Amino acid sequence: MKNITFTDSKKRIWNYEIPFSITCTVSGVVKKYTSEEYINKKIERFDGLDNLRKVYVSRDAKKAAKKAAAPATEVKPVVTTTEPVVVVEAPAEVKPVVDTATINLFADIMMKKPEMLALPEPLPIAKKDKNGKYRNAKGHLISEFNLKNFRLEEQISAVA
């Protein structure tokens, strides 16, 4: 281990060891840094080594928080127009498209098999890397035995 003494812009002296270990306050993951310039820059930015240790959040935790805070659906802008709005009146009597016998038959089937109403869980996507191997979203290698539990990227692009 190497001891480093750093004097910040406010003429304060900070001592630390390389590799510099710091724990993320969000995820609890311990990160180790060996770049003296990077550590000095972080000490300056956080106004001291004590504050850095108190409030440090790793890049992975920031990405996860940003992903969790992102809206689930895309928000489309509302288009306004200056053209007049035409109101169409509905006919007085609306006839059902499906007869009551079909509705009753469908209701009976749903009562006997309610699992038909549940949507299937989507399978995670597997992407092929440059070596022809398949990897999951985290970049982990997927065995050929496990490929049946994934949707292959080629299958998705072929459907679209």
Protein backbone atom coordinates (compact mmCIF):
# COMPACT_ATOMS: atom_id res chain seq x y z
CA MET A 1 0.00 0.00 0.00
CA LYS A 2 1.12 3.50 -0.77
CA ASN A 3 0.34 6.48 1.51
CA ILE A 4 -0.68 9.68 -0.27
CA THR A 5 -0.80 13.20 1.20
CA PHE A 6 -2.99 15.64 -0.71
CA THR A 7 -3.38 19.38 -0.08
CA ASP A 8 -6.65 20.77 -1.44
CA SER A 9 -7.43 24.28 -2.71
CA LYS A 10 -8.38 25.39 0.81
CA LYS A 11 -4.88 24.36 2.03
CA ARG A 12 -6.22 21.39 4.01
CA ILE A 13 -4.11 18.24 4.13
CA TRP A 14 -5.71 14.84 3.49
CA ASN A 15 -3.99 11.45 3.93
CA TYR A 16 -5.19 8.23 2.29
CA GLU A 17 -3.84 4.92 1.05
CA ILE A 18 -3.76 3.53 -2.48
CA PRO A 19 -5.68 1.38 -3.33
CA PHE A 20 -8.34 3.74 -1.98
CA SER A 21 -11.42 1.80 -0.77
CA ILE A 22 -14.77 3.53 -0.44
CA THR A 23 -18.24 2.14 0.27
CA CYS A 24 -21.27 3.28 -1.74
CA THR A 25 -23.88 4.72 0.63
CA VAL A 26 -26.76 3.40 -1.52
CA SER A 27 -25.75 -0.12 -2.56
CA GLY A 28 -23.08 -0.89 0.05
CA VAL A 29 -20.63 -2.01 -2.64
CA VAL A 30 -16.97 -1.34 -1.83
CA LYS A 31 -15.10 0.29 -4.71
CA LYS A 32 -11.30 0.44 -4.95
CA TYR A 33 -9.54 3.22 -6.84
CA THR A 34 -5.85 3.42 -7.70
CA SER A 35 -5.68 6.67 -9.68
CA GLU A 36 -4.25 9.38 -7.43
CA GLU A 37 -5.56 12.18 -9.72
CA TYR A 38 -9.08 10.74 -9.69
CA ILE A 39 -9.14 10.43 -5.89
CA ASN A 40 -7.79 13.97 -5.46
CA LYS A 41 -10.46 15.30 -7.83
CA LYS A 42 -13.17 13.53 -5.80
CA ILE A 43 -11.80 14.91 -2.51
CA GLU A 44 -11.93 18.45 -3.99
CA ARG A 45 -15.45 17.94 -5.37
CA PHE A 46 -16.86 16.58 -2.11
CA ASP A 47 -15.01 19.19 0.01
CA GLY A 48 -12.95 16.69 1.93
CA LEU A 49 -12.30 13.05 2.54
CA ASP A 50 -14.84 12.81 5.38
CA ASN A 51 -17.69 14.16 3.21
CA LEU A 52 -16.64 11.89 0.35
CA ARG A 53 -16.93 8.82 2.59
CA LYS A 54 -20.29 10.04 3.99
CA VAL A 55 -22.13 10.76 0.74
CA TYR A 56 -20.36 8.71 -1.97
CA VAL A 57 -22.76 7.02 -4.43
CA SER A 58 -21.29 4.67 -7.04
CA ARG A 59 -21.95 5.06 -10.74
CA ASP A 60 -23.86 1.74 -10.81
CA ALA A 61 -26.21 2.93 -8.06
CA LYS A 62 -26.79 6.23 -9.87
CA LYS A 63 -27.67 4.37 -13.10
CA ALA A 64 -30.05 2.07 -11.25
CA ALA A 65 -31.77 5.01 -9.53
CA LYS A 66 -32.08 6.87 -12.82
CA LYS A 67 -33.53 3.80 -14.52
CA ALA A 68 -36.05 3.32 -11.69
CA ALA A 69 -37.10 6.98 -11.84
CA ALA A 70 -37.63 6.93 -15.63
CA PRO A 71 -41.26 6.90 -16.77
CA ALA A 72 -42.51 3.45 -17.75
CA THR A 73 -44.21 4.66 -20.90
CA GLU A 74 -43.29 7.19 -23.48
CA VAL A 75 -45.15 10.48 -23.16
CA LYS A 76 -46.29 11.82 -26.51
CA PRO A 77 -46.82 15.55 -26.93
CA VAL A 78 -50.37 16.80 -27.34
CA VAL A 79 -50.99 18.24 -30.79
CA THR A 80 -53.19 21.31 -30.80
CA THR A 81 -55.07 22.48 -33.85
CA THR A 82 -56.94 25.61 -34.81
CA GLU A 83 -59.39 23.74 -37.05
CA PRO A 84 -63.00 23.53 -35.86
CA VAL A 85 -64.04 20.37 -34.06
CA VAL A 86 -66.85 18.40 -35.72
CA VAL A 87 -69.22 16.61 -33.32
CA VAL A 88 -70.83 13.46 -34.69
CA GLU A 89 -73.93 12.23 -32.92
CA ALA A 90 -74.26 8.50 -32.22
CA PRO A 91 -77.32 6.67 -33.50
CA ALA A 92 -80.18 6.35 -31.03
CA GLU A 93 -80.05 2.56 -30.88
CA VAL A 94 -76.74 0.70 -30.75
CA LYS A 95 -76.92 -2.99 -31.55
CA PRO A 96 -74.38 -5.38 -30.00
CA VAL A 97 -71.91 -6.92 -32.42
CA VAL A 98 -71.77 -10.25 -30.53
CA ASP A 99 -74.90 -12.17 -29.56
CA THR A 100 -75.61 -13.07 -25.93
CA ALA A 101 -75.03 -16.81 -26.51
CA THR A 102 -71.40 -16.14 -27.52
CA ILE A 103 -70.89 -13.86 -24.51
CA ASN A 104 -72.29 -16.53 -22.14
CA LEU A 105 -70.10 -19.23 -23.70
CA PHE A 106 -67.00 -17.03 -23.30
CA ALA A 107 -67.93 -16.23 -19.68
CA ASP A 108 -68.33 -19.96 -18.89
CA ILE A 109 -64.91 -20.77 -20.35
CA MET A 110 -63.30 -17.95 -18.35
CA MET A 111 -64.93 -19.15 -15.13
CA LYS A 112 -63.58 -22.67 -15.68
CA LYS A 113 -60.08 -21.52 -16.79
CA PRO A 114 -59.25 -18.12 -15.25
CA GLU A 115 -55.55 -18.57 -16.12
CA MET A 116 -56.50 -17.77 -19.71
CA LEU A 117 -57.02 -14.15 -18.64
CA ALA A 118 -53.43 -13.79 -17.36
CA LEU A 119 -50.84 -12.53 -19.79
CA PRO A 120 -47.71 -14.67 -20.10
CA GLU A 121 -44.53 -13.29 -18.52
CA PRO A 122 -42.20 -12.01 -21.25
CA LEU A 123 -38.92 -13.88 -21.54
CA PRO A 124 -35.69 -11.91 -21.10
CA ILE A 125 -33.76 -11.08 -24.27
CA ALA A 126 -30.49 -12.77 -25.22
CA LYS A 127 -28.13 -10.93 -27.59
CA LYS A 128 -25.45 -12.56 -29.69
CA ASP A 129 -21.96 -11.12 -29.13
CA LYS A 130 -19.16 -10.80 -31.73
CA ASN A 131 -17.96 -14.35 -30.95
CA GLY A 132 -21.38 -15.87 -31.66
CA LYS A 133 -22.17 -16.52 -27.98
CA TYR A 134 -25.39 -15.35 -26.37
CA ARG A 135 -25.38 -12.93 -23.42
CA ASN A 136 -28.12 -11.58 -21.15
CA ALA A 137 -28.83 -7.90 -20.39
CA LYS A 138 -26.08 -7.83 -17.75
CA GLY A 139 -23.56 -9.24 -20.22
CA HIS A 140 -23.36 -12.67 -18.57
CA LEU A 141 -22.77 -15.65 -20.84
CA ILE A 142 -25.82 -17.90 -21.34
CA SER A 143 -25.30 -21.65 -21.71
CA GLU A 144 -26.95 -23.43 -24.63
CA PHE A 145 -28.99 -25.42 -22.12
CA ASN A 146 -30.41 -22.16 -20.69
CA LEU A 147 -31.17 -20.52 -24.08
CA LYS A 148 -34.72 -21.94 -24.02
CA ASN A 149 -35.49 -19.47 -21.18
CA PHE A 150 -34.62 -16.43 -23.35
CA ARG A 151 -35.97 -14.69 -26.43
CA LEU A 152 -33.20 -14.46 -29.02
CA GLU A 153 -32.53 -11.04 -30.50
CA GLU A 154 -32.75 -12.42 -34.08
CA GLN A 155 -36.27 -13.73 -33.42
CA ILE A 156 -37.40 -10.30 -32.21
CA SER A 157 -35.94 -8.43 -35.20
CA ALA A 158 -37.43 -11.00 -37.63
CA VAL A 159 -40.93 -10.43 -36.19
CA ALA A 160 -40.67 -6.61 -36.35
